[in-house]
PDB file of N, CA and C in Angstrom:
ATOM      1  N   MET A   1     -61.742 100.536  56.531  1.00  0.00           N
ATOM      2  CA  MET A   1     -61.029 101.599  57.202  1.00  0.00           C
ATOM      3  C   MET A   1     -61.944 102.826  57.261  1.00  0.00           C
ATOM      4  N   SER A   2     -62.048 103.422  58.434  1.00  0.00           N
ATOM      5  CA  SER A   2     -62.931 104.569  58.619  1.00  0.00           C
ATOM      6  C   SER A   2     -62.280 105.853  58.094  1.00  0.00           C
ATOM      7  N   ILE A   3     -63.106 106.867  57.907  1.00  0.00           N
ATOM      8  CA  ILE A   3     -62.612 108.161  57.436  1.00  0.00           C
ATOM      9  C   ILE A   3     -61.648 108.770  58.449  1.00  0.00           C
ATOM     10  N   GLU A   4     -61.869 108.504  59.719  1.00  0.00           N
ATOM     11  CA  GLU A   4     -60.971 109.010  60.753  1.00  0.00           C
ATOM     12  C   GLU A   4     -59.582 108.388  60.633  1.00  0.00           C
ATOM     13  N   ALA A   5     -59.532 107.100  60.337  1.00  0.00           N
ATOM     14  CA  ALA A   5     -58.247 106.408  60.177  1.00  0.00           C
ATOM     15  C   ALA A   5     -57.514 106.905  58.930  1.00  0.00           C
ATOM     16  N   VAL A   6     -58.236 107.097  57.843  1.00  0.00           N
ATOM     17  CA  VAL A   6     -57.630 107.613  56.615  1.00  0.00           C
ATOM     18  C   VAL A   6     -57.085 109.020  56.862  1.00  0.00           C
ATOM     19  N   GLY A   7     -57.853 109.845  57.551  1.00  0.00           N
ATOM     20  CA  GLY A   7     -57.409 111.204  57.858  1.00  0.00           C
ATOM     21  C   GLY A   7     -56.171 111.227  58.725  1.00  0.00           C
ATOM     22  N   ALA A   8     -56.140 110.394  59.739  1.00  0.00           N
ATOM     23  CA  ALA A   8     -54.962 110.331  60.602  1.00  0.00           C
ATOM     24  C   ALA A   8     -53.743 109.851  59.823  1.00  0.00           C
ATOM     25  N   LEU A   9     -53.939 108.891  58.931  1.00  0.00           N
ATOM     26  CA  LEU A   9     -52.845 108.402  58.091  1.00  0.00           C
ATOM     27  C   LEU A   9     -52.320 109.508  57.190  1.00  0.00           C
ATOM     28  N   CYS A  10     -53.205 110.249  56.560  1.00  0.00           N
ATOM     29  CA  CYS A  10     -52.791 111.358  55.684  1.00  0.00           C
ATOM     30  C   CYS A  10     -52.040 112.429  56.461  1.00  0.00           C
ATOM     31  N   PHE A  11     -52.531 112.760  57.634  1.00  0.00           N
ATOM     32  CA  PHE A  11     -51.864 113.765  58.465  1.00  0.00           C
ATOM     33  C   PHE A  11     -50.468 113.290  58.841  1.00  0.00           C
ATOM     34  N   GLY A  12     -50.343 112.047  59.221  1.00  0.00           N
ATOM     35  CA  GLY A  12     -49.043 111.487  59.566  1.00  0.00           C
ATOM     36  C   GLY A  12     -48.089 111.480  58.387  1.00  0.00           C
ATOM     37  N   LEU A  13     -48.601 111.183  57.186  1.00  0.00           N
ATOM     38  CA  LEU A  13     -47.757 111.203  55.995  1.00  0.00           C
ATOM     39  C   LEU A  13     -47.175 112.588  55.730  1.00  0.00           C
ATOM     40  N   VAL A  14     -48.002 113.600  55.823  1.00  0.00           N
ATOM     41  CA  VAL A  14     -47.531 114.958  55.551  1.00  0.00           C
ATOM     42  C   VAL A  14     -46.527 115.412  56.610  1.00  0.00           C
ATOM     43  N   ILE A  15     -46.846 115.218  57.867  1.00  0.00           N
ATOM     44  CA  ILE A  15     -45.946 115.641  58.937  1.00  0.00           C
ATOM     45  C   ILE A  15     -44.639 114.855  58.865  1.00  0.00           C
ATOM     46  N   GLY A  16     -44.723 113.568  58.590  1.00  0.00           N
ATOM     47  CA  GLY A  16     -43.516 112.749  58.463  1.00  0.00           C
ATOM     48  C   GLY A  16     -42.654 113.181  57.295  1.00  0.00           C
ATOM     49  N   TRP A  17     -43.268 113.476  56.155  1.00  0.00           N
ATOM     50  CA  TRP A  17     -42.512 113.910  54.972  1.00  0.00           C
ATOM     51  C   TRP A  17     -41.798 115.234  55.243  1.00  0.00           C
ATOM     52  N   VAL A  18     -42.508 116.200  55.819  1.00  0.00           N
ATOM     53  CA  VAL A  18     -41.895 117.499  56.082  1.00  0.00           C
ATOM     54  C   VAL A  18     -40.777 117.367  57.112  1.00  0.00           C
ATOM     55  N   THR A  19     -40.972 116.543  58.113  1.00  0.00           N
ATOM     56  CA  THR A  19     -39.924 116.323  59.113  1.00  0.00           C
ATOM     57  C   THR A  19     -38.710 115.661  58.485  1.00  0.00           C
ATOM     58  N   TYR A  20     -38.917 114.640  57.675  1.00  0.00           N
ATOM     59  CA  TYR A  20     -37.821 113.959  56.977  1.00  0.00           C
ATOM     60  C   TYR A  20     -37.067 114.942  56.090  1.00  0.00           C
ATOM     61  N   ARG A  21     -37.809 115.729  55.329  1.00  0.00           N
ATOM     62  CA  ARG A  21     -37.196 116.698  54.416  1.00  0.00           C
ATOM     63  C   ARG A  21     -36.393 117.735  55.191  1.00  0.00           C
ATOM     64  N   THR A  22     -36.901 118.165  56.334  1.00  0.00           N
ATOM     65  CA  THR A  22     -36.192 119.137  57.162  1.00  0.00           C
ATOM     66  C   THR A  22     -34.878 118.566  57.671  1.00  0.00           C
ATOM     67  N   LEU A  23     -34.890 117.326  58.082  1.00  0.00           N
ATOM     68  CA  LEU A  23     -33.677 116.701  58.615  1.00  0.00           C
ATOM     69  C   LEU A  23     -32.656 116.398  57.527  1.00  0.00           C
ATOM     70  N   ARG A  24     -33.086 116.115  56.307  1.00  0.00           N
ATOM     71  CA  ARG A  24     -32.184 115.742  55.218  1.00  0.00           C
ATOM     72  C   ARG A  24     -31.568 116.925  54.489  1.00  0.00           C
ATOM     73  N   ARG A  25     -32.249 118.052  54.465  1.00  0.00           N
ATOM     74  CA  ARG A  25     -31.750 119.201  53.706  1.00  0.00           C
ATOM     75  C   ARG A  25     -30.804 120.033  54.542  1.00  0.00           C
ATOM     76  N   SER A  26     -29.910 120.722  53.865  1.00  0.00           N
ATOM     77  CA  SER A  26     -28.982 121.608  54.554  1.00  0.00           C
ATOM     78  C   SER A  26     -29.421 123.051  54.346  1.00  0.00           C
ATOM     79  N   GLY A  27     -28.999 123.894  55.219  1.00  0.00           N
ATOM     80  CA  GLY A  27     -29.335 125.310  55.119  1.00  0.00           C
ATOM     81  C   GLY A  27     -30.289 125.718  56.219  1.00  0.00           C
ATOM     82  N   GLU A  28     -29.910 126.733  56.959  1.00  0.00           N
ATOM     83  CA  GLU A  28     -30.707 127.143  58.109  1.00  0.00           C
ATOM     84  C   GLU A  28     -32.075 127.681  57.714  1.00  0.00           C
ATOM     85  N   THR A  29     -32.169 128.443  56.629  1.00  0.00           N
ATOM     86  CA  THR A  29     -33.461 129.024  56.255  1.00  0.00           C
ATOM     87  C   THR A  29     -34.445 127.959  55.797  1.00  0.00           C
ATOM     88  N   VAL A  30     -33.954 126.918  55.147  1.00  0.00           N
ATOM     89  CA  VAL A  30     -34.846 125.836  54.724  1.00  0.00           C
ATOM     90  C   VAL A  30     -35.429 125.143  55.940  1.00  0.00           C
ATOM     91  N   ALA A  31     -34.605 124.836  56.912  1.00  0.00           N
ATOM     92  CA  ALA A  31     -35.066 124.134  58.104  1.00  0.00           C
ATOM     93  C   ALA A  31     -36.084 124.969  58.878  1.00  0.00           C
ATOM     94  N   LEU A  32     -35.829 126.261  59.019  1.00  0.00           N
ATOM     95  CA  LEU A  32     -36.749 127.107  59.775  1.00  0.00           C
ATOM     96  C   LEU A  32     -38.096 127.242  59.082  1.00  0.00           C
ATOM     97  N   SER A  33     -38.106 127.390  57.778  1.00  0.00           N
ATOM     98  CA  SER A  33     -39.383 127.520  57.083  1.00  0.00           C
ATOM     99  C   SER A  33     -40.164 126.213  57.111  1.00  0.00           C
ATOM    100  N   ASN A  34     -39.474 125.086  57.042  1.00  0.00           N
ATOM    101  CA  ASN A  34     -40.169 123.798  57.104  1.00  0.00           C
ATOM    102  C   ASN A  34     -40.739 123.540  58.488  1.00  0.00           C
ATOM    103  N   ILE A  35     -40.013 123.910  59.516  1.00  0.00           N
ATOM    104  CA  ILE A  35     -40.525 123.738  60.876  1.00  0.00           C
ATOM    105  C   ILE A  35     -41.754 124.625  61.077  1.00  0.00           C
ATOM    106  N   ALA A  36     -41.732 125.826  60.522  1.00  0.00           N
ATOM    107  CA  ALA A  36     -42.902 126.711  60.608  1.00  0.00           C
ATOM    108  C   ALA A  36     -44.100 126.095  59.898  1.00  0.00           C
ATOM    109  N   THR A  37     -43.860 125.400  58.796  1.00  0.00           N
ATOM    110  CA  THR A  37     -44.938 124.731  58.072  1.00  0.00           C
ATOM    111  C   THR A  37     -45.550 123.624  58.918  1.00  0.00           C
ATOM    112  N   VAL A  38     -44.713 122.843  59.579  1.00  0.00           N
ATOM    113  CA  VAL A  38     -45.216 121.776  60.450  1.00  0.00           C
ATOM    114  C   VAL A  38     -46.042 122.370  61.584  1.00  0.00           C
ATOM    115  N   ILE A  39     -45.564 123.443  62.179  1.00  0.00           N
ATOM    116  CA  ILE A  39     -46.308 124.083  63.269  1.00  0.00           C
ATOM    117  C   ILE A  39     -47.656 124.588  62.771  1.00  0.00           C
ATOM    118  N   GLY A  40     -47.680 125.154  61.561  1.00  0.00           N
ATOM    119  CA  GLY A  40     -48.949 125.616  60.986  1.00  0.00           C
ATOM    120  C   GLY A  40     -49.924 124.483  60.741  1.00  0.00           C
ATOM    121  N   ALA A  41     -49.421 123.365  60.235  1.00  0.00           N
ATOM    122  CA  ALA A  41     -50.290 122.212  59.974  1.00  0.00           C
ATOM    123  C   ALA A  41     -50.838 121.634  61.275  1.00  0.00           C
ATOM    124  N   VAL A  42     -49.992 121.522  62.277  1.00  0.00           N
ATOM    125  CA  VAL A  42     -50.449 121.007  63.573  1.00  0.00           C
ATOM    126  C   VAL A  42     -51.423 121.986  64.208  1.00  0.00           C
ATOM    127  N   GLY A  43     -51.154 123.286  64.057  1.00  0.00           N
ATOM    128  CA  GLY A  43     -52.076 124.301  64.580  1.00  0.00           C
ATOM    129  C   GLY A  43     -53.442 124.219  63.923  1.00  0.00           C
ATOM    130  N   GLY A  44     -53.468 123.975  62.614  1.00  0.00           N
ATOM    131  CA  GLY A  44     -54.741 123.809  61.917  1.00  0.00           C
ATOM    132  C   GLY A  44     -55.504 122.597  62.421  1.00  0.00           C
ATOM    133  N   ALA A  45     -54.781 121.529  62.677  1.00  0.00           N
ATOM    134  CA  ALA A  45     -55.424 120.329  63.226  1.00  0.00           C
ATOM    135  C   ALA A  45     -55.954 120.586  64.628  1.00  0.00           C
ATOM    136  N   ALA A  46     -55.228 121.381  65.397  1.00  0.00           N
ATOM    137  CA  ALA A  46     -55.682 121.703  66.756  1.00  0.00           C
ATOM    138  C   ALA A  46     -56.979 122.504  66.719  1.00  0.00           C
ATOM    139  N   VAL A  47     -57.109 123.380  65.744  1.00  0.00           N
ATOM    140  CA  VAL A  47     -58.342 124.163  65.612  1.00  0.00           C
ATOM    141  C   VAL A  47     -59.528 123.252  65.319  1.00  0.00           C
ATOM    142  N   THR A  48     -59.328 122.233  64.474  1.00  0.00           N
ATOM    143  CA  THR A  48     -60.435 121.318  64.194  1.00  0.00           C
ATOM    144  C   THR A  48     -60.834 120.542  65.447  1.00  0.00           C
ATOM    145  N   GLY A  49     -59.896 120.381  66.380  1.00  0.00           N
ATOM    146  CA  GLY A  49     -60.203 119.699  67.637  1.00  0.00           C
ATOM    147  C   GLY A  49     -61.171 120.474  68.513  1.00  0.00           C
ATOM    148  N   LEU A  50     -61.269 121.766  68.308  1.00  0.00           N
ATOM    149  CA  LEU A  50     -62.195 122.582  69.094  1.00  0.00           C
ATOM    150  C   LEU A  50     -63.649 122.259  68.792  1.00  0.00           C
ATOM    151  N   PHE A  51     -63.918 121.640  67.659  1.00  0.00           N
ATOM    152  CA  PHE A  51     -65.290 121.341  67.258  1.00  0.00           C
ATOM    153  C   PHE A  51     -65.747 119.950  67.690  1.00  0.00           C
ATOM    154  N   ASN A  52     -64.900 119.203  68.387  1.00  0.00           N
ATOM    155  CA  ASN A  52     -65.231 117.873  68.900  1.00  0.00           C
ATOM    156  C   ASN A  52     -65.746 116.934  67.823  1.00  0.00           C
ATOM    157  N   SER A  53     -65.099 116.949  66.673  1.00  0.00           N
ATOM    158  CA  SER A  53     -65.510 116.076  65.581  1.00  0.00           C
ATOM    159  C   SER A  53     -64.274 115.411  64.987  1.00  0.00           C
ATOM    160  N   GLN A  54     -64.180 114.095  65.153  1.00  0.00           N
ATOM    161  CA  GLN A  54     -63.060 113.374  64.555  1.00  0.00           C
ATOM    162  C   GLN A  54     -63.172 113.358  63.038  1.00  0.00           C
ATOM    163  N   GLU A  55     -64.386 113.415  62.525  1.00  0.00           N
ATOM    164  CA  GLU A  55     -64.572 113.425  61.081  1.00  0.00           C
ATOM    165  C   GLU A  55     -64.039 114.727  60.477  1.00  0.00           C
ATOM    166  N   LEU A  56     -64.209 115.846  61.181  1.00  0.00           N
ATOM    167  CA  LEU A  56     -63.688 117.117  60.701  1.00  0.00           C
ATOM    168  C   LEU A  56     -62.163 117.072  60.622  1.00  0.00           C
ATOM    169  N   PHE A  57     -61.501 116.509  61.629  1.00  0.00           N
ATOM    170  CA  PHE A  57     -60.050 116.343  61.600  1.00  0.00           C
ATOM    171  C   PHE A  57     -59.638 115.448  60.439  1.00  0.00           C
ATOM    172  N   ALA A  58     -60.399 114.410  60.196  1.00  0.00           N
ATOM    173  CA  ALA A  58     -60.084 113.487  59.103  1.00  0.00           C
ATOM    174  C   ALA A  58     -60.131 114.195  57.761  1.00  0.00           C
ATOM    175  N   TRP A  59     -61.164 114.974  57.520  1.00  0.00           N
ATOM    176  CA  TRP A  59     -61.262 115.690  56.247  1.00  0.00           C
ATOM    177  C   TRP A  59     -60.187 116.764  56.116  1.00  0.00           C
ATOM    178  N   TYR A  60     -59.853 117.421  57.218  1.00  0.00           N
ATOM    179  CA  TYR A  60     -58.748 118.394  57.204  1.00  0.00           C
ATOM    180  C   TYR A  60     -57.451 117.692  56.800  1.00  0.00           C
ATOM    181  N   SER A  61     -57.193 116.548  57.377  1.00  0.00           N
ATOM    182  CA  SER A  61     -55.968 115.804  57.099  1.00  0.00           C
ATOM    183  C   SER A  61     -55.914 115.304  55.666  1.00  0.00           C
ATOM    184  N   ILE A  62     -57.034 114.832  55.154  1.00  0.00           N
ATOM    185  CA  ILE A  62     -57.090 114.360  53.770  1.00  0.00           C
ATOM    186  C   ILE A  62     -56.849 115.538  52.817  1.00  0.00           C
ATOM    187  N   GLY A  63     -57.445 116.681  53.106  1.00  0.00           N
ATOM    188  CA  GLY A  63     -57.212 117.870  52.291  1.00  0.00           C
ATOM    189  C   GLY A  63     -55.769 118.338  52.362  1.00  0.00           C
ATOM    190  N   LEU A  64     -55.184 118.288  53.538  1.00  0.00           N
ATOM    191  CA  LEU A  64     -53.783 118.662  53.724  1.00  0.00           C
ATOM    192  C   LEU A  64     -52.874 117.761  52.905  1.00  0.00           C
ATOM    193  N   ALA A  65     -53.083 116.465  52.993  1.00  0.00           N
ATOM    194  CA  ALA A  65     -52.266 115.515  52.233  1.00  0.00           C
ATOM    195  C   ALA A  65     -52.497 115.664  50.734  1.00  0.00           C
ATOM    196  N   GLY A  66     -53.745 115.853  50.332  1.00  0.00           N
ATOM    197  CA  GLY A  66     -54.040 116.018  48.912  1.00  0.00           C
ATOM    198  C   GLY A  66     -53.351 117.239  48.327  1.00  0.00           C
ATOM    199  N   GLY A  67     -53.455 118.365  49.001  1.00  0.00           N
ATOM    200  CA  GLY A  67     -52.787 119.575  48.533  1.00  0.00           C
ATOM    201  C   GLY A  67     -51.279 119.447  48.547  1.00  0.00           C
ATOM    202  N   PHE A  68     -50.750 118.825  49.574  1.00  0.00           N
ATOM    203  CA  PHE A  68     -49.305 118.657  49.699  1.00  0.00           C
ATOM    204  C   PHE A  68     -48.748 117.814  48.563  1.00  0.00           C
ATOM    205  N   PHE A  69     -49.343 116.644  48.341  1.00  0.00           N
ATOM    206  CA  PHE A  69     -48.808 115.749  47.322  1.00  0.00           C
ATOM    207  C   PHE A  69     -49.135 116.220  45.908  1.00  0.00           C
ATOM    208  N   LEU A  70     -50.229 116.951  45.721  1.00  0.00           N
ATOM    209  CA  LEU A  70     -50.514 117.542  44.414  1.00  0.00           C
ATOM    210  C   LEU A  70     -49.463 118.600  44.080  1.00  0.00           C
ATOM    211  N   TYR A  71     -49.121 119.434  45.058  1.00  0.00           N
ATOM    212  CA  TYR A  71     -48.072 120.425  44.847  1.00  0.00           C
ATOM    213  C   TYR A  71     -46.739 119.743  44.545  1.00  0.00           C
ATOM    214  N   LEU A  72     -46.420 118.689  45.267  1.00  0.00           N
ATOM    215  CA  LEU A  72     -45.180 117.943  45.036  1.00  0.00           C
ATOM    216  C   LEU A  72     -45.151 117.380  43.614  1.00  0.00           C
ATOM    217  N   LEU A  73     -46.259 116.837  43.162  1.00  0.00           N
ATOM    218  CA  LEU A  73     -46.354 116.292  41.813  1.00  0.00           C
ATOM    219  C   LEU A  73     -46.210 117.393  40.761  1.00  0.00           C
ATOM    220  N   LEU A  74     -46.882 118.510  40.958  1.00  0.00           N
ATOM    221  CA  LEU A  74     -46.774 119.625  40.026  1.00  0.00           C
ATOM    222  C   LEU A  74     -45.354 120.198  39.995  1.00  0.00           C
ATOM    223  N   ALA A  75     -44.731 120.308  41.164  1.00  0.00           N
ATOM    224  CA  ALA A  75     -43.373 120.851  41.226  1.00  0.00           C
ATOM    225  C   ALA A  75     -42.377 119.938  40.518  1.00  0.00           C
ATOM    226  N   ALA A  76     -42.617 118.651  40.545  1.00  0.00           N
ATOM    227  CA  ALA A  76     -41.697 117.703  39.908  1.00  0.00           C
ATOM    228  C   ALA A  76     -41.936 117.562  38.415  1.00  0.00           C
ATOM    229  N   THR A  77     -43.099 117.985  37.933  1.00  0.00           N
ATOM    230  CA  THR A  77     -43.409 117.799  36.504  1.00  0.00           C
ATOM    231  C   THR A  77     -43.605 119.134  35.798  1.00  0.00           C
ATOM    232  N   VAL A  78     -44.730 119.742  35.985  1.00  0.00           N
ATOM    233  CA  VAL A  78     -45.101 120.942  35.242  1.00  0.00           C
ATOM    234  C   VAL A  78     -44.239 122.153  35.620  1.00  0.00           C
ATOM    235  N   LEU A  79     -43.956 122.334  36.904  1.00  0.00           N
ATOM    236  CA  LEU A  79     -43.272 123.533  37.382  1.00  0.00           C
ATOM    237  C   LEU A  79     -41.783 123.322  37.640  1.00  0.00           C
ATOM    238  N   LYS A  80     -41.186 122.294  37.071  1.00  0.00           N
ATOM    239  CA  LYS A  80     -39.801 121.956  37.423  1.00  0.00           C
ATOM    240  C   LYS A  80     -38.791 123.019  37.031  1.00  0.00           C
ATOM    241  N   ASP A  81     -39.104 123.894  36.096  1.00  0.00           N
ATOM    242  CA  ASP A  81     -38.162 124.930  35.678  1.00  0.00           C
ATOM    243  C   ASP A  81     -38.490 126.321  36.230  1.00  0.00           C
ATOM    244  N   VAL A  82     -39.425 126.392  37.157  1.00  0.00           N
ATOM    245  CA  VAL A  82     -39.802 127.675  37.739  1.00  0.00           C
ATOM    246  C   VAL A  82     -38.779 128.049  38.810  1.00  0.00           C
ATOM    247  N   PRO A  83     -38.146 129.243  38.713  1.00  0.00           N
ATOM    248  CA  PRO A  83     -37.057 129.577  39.624  1.00  0.00           C
ATOM    249  C   PRO A  83     -37.461 129.730  41.088  1.00  0.00           C
ATOM    250  N   TRP A  84     -38.690 130.121  41.411  1.00  0.00           N
ATOM    251  CA  TRP A  84     -39.055 130.339  42.803  1.00  0.00           C
ATOM    252  C   TRP A  84     -39.208 129.049  43.589  1.00  0.00           C
ATOM    253  N   LEU A  85     -39.211 127.902  42.920  1.00  0.00           N
ATOM    254  CA  LEU A  85     -39.282 126.634  43.643  1.00  0.00           C
ATOM    255  C   LEU A  85     -37.941 126.246  44.261  1.00  0.00           C
ATOM    256  N   GLY A  86     -36.872 126.888  43.851  1.00  0.00           N
ATOM    257  CA  GLY A  86     -35.552 126.573  44.393  1.00  0.00           C
ATOM    258  C   GLY A  86     -34.922 125.425  43.639  1.00  0.00           C
ATOM    259  N   ASP A  87     -33.685 125.137  44.003  1.00  0.00           N
ATOM    260  CA  ASP A  87     -32.956 124.089  43.301  1.00  0.00           C
ATOM    261  C   ASP A  87     -32.968 122.751  44.034  1.00  0.00           C
ATOM    262  N   GLY A  88     -33.678 122.657  45.163  1.00  0.00           N
ATOM    263  CA  GLY A  88     -33.788 121.391  45.879  1.00  0.00           C
ATOM    264  C   GLY A  88     -32.697 121.130  46.884  1.00  0.00           C
ATOM    265  N   ASN A  89     -31.791 122.081  47.099  1.00  0.00           N
ATOM    266  CA  ASN A  89     -30.712 121.890  48.082  1.00  0.00           C
ATOM    267  C   ASN A  89     -31.060 122.500  49.401  1.00  0.00           C
TER     268      ASN A  89
END
């Protein structure tokens, strides 16, 4: 599997997770902030497209997925009692 394929897979995982989470959660402010996050991630990917390098997009996507899932792991373990993370509703 090429780095471009891995990057596209990672990008799809993050966008799919945020979209799923947006559709499953209730509350207008949660949905709006999550949609803004998706737009920001897609916008970042669009910027990498200006450089005509599929490898650059792949590394951006891998970094995006790595940061996303690392934060998710930290929020579920180490930071689970921190009030600014919200209660998950």
